[in-house]
Amino acid sequence: MKRYLLLLVFLILPVLFSFTPQESKVNQKKIEREREKKKKLAKKQYDQAVLRHRKMQSKDTKARMKQTRKSAKKSTPLSR
């Protein structure tokens, strides 16, 4: 009887521990999805803040900002 019990334990233990890696993969994917959502939300909030900042500026300031952007693009080397 004791042998059967030991044999049963040795057969069941590997089966129980085989499910752990699959669960960790699922959890890792879930964590990655949450990180991506947070990144998207942060970028969206940043873009909205930039737009809000631009809307608050006077007409002259907007023109200077536009000119600065154009000159920055011209002076920046191409990135590959």
Foldseek 3Di string as FASTA:
>chain_A
DVVVVVVVVVVVVVVVVVCVVVVVVVVVVVVVVVVVVVVVVVVVVVVVVVVVVLVPDDPVVNVVVVVVVVVVVVPDDDDD
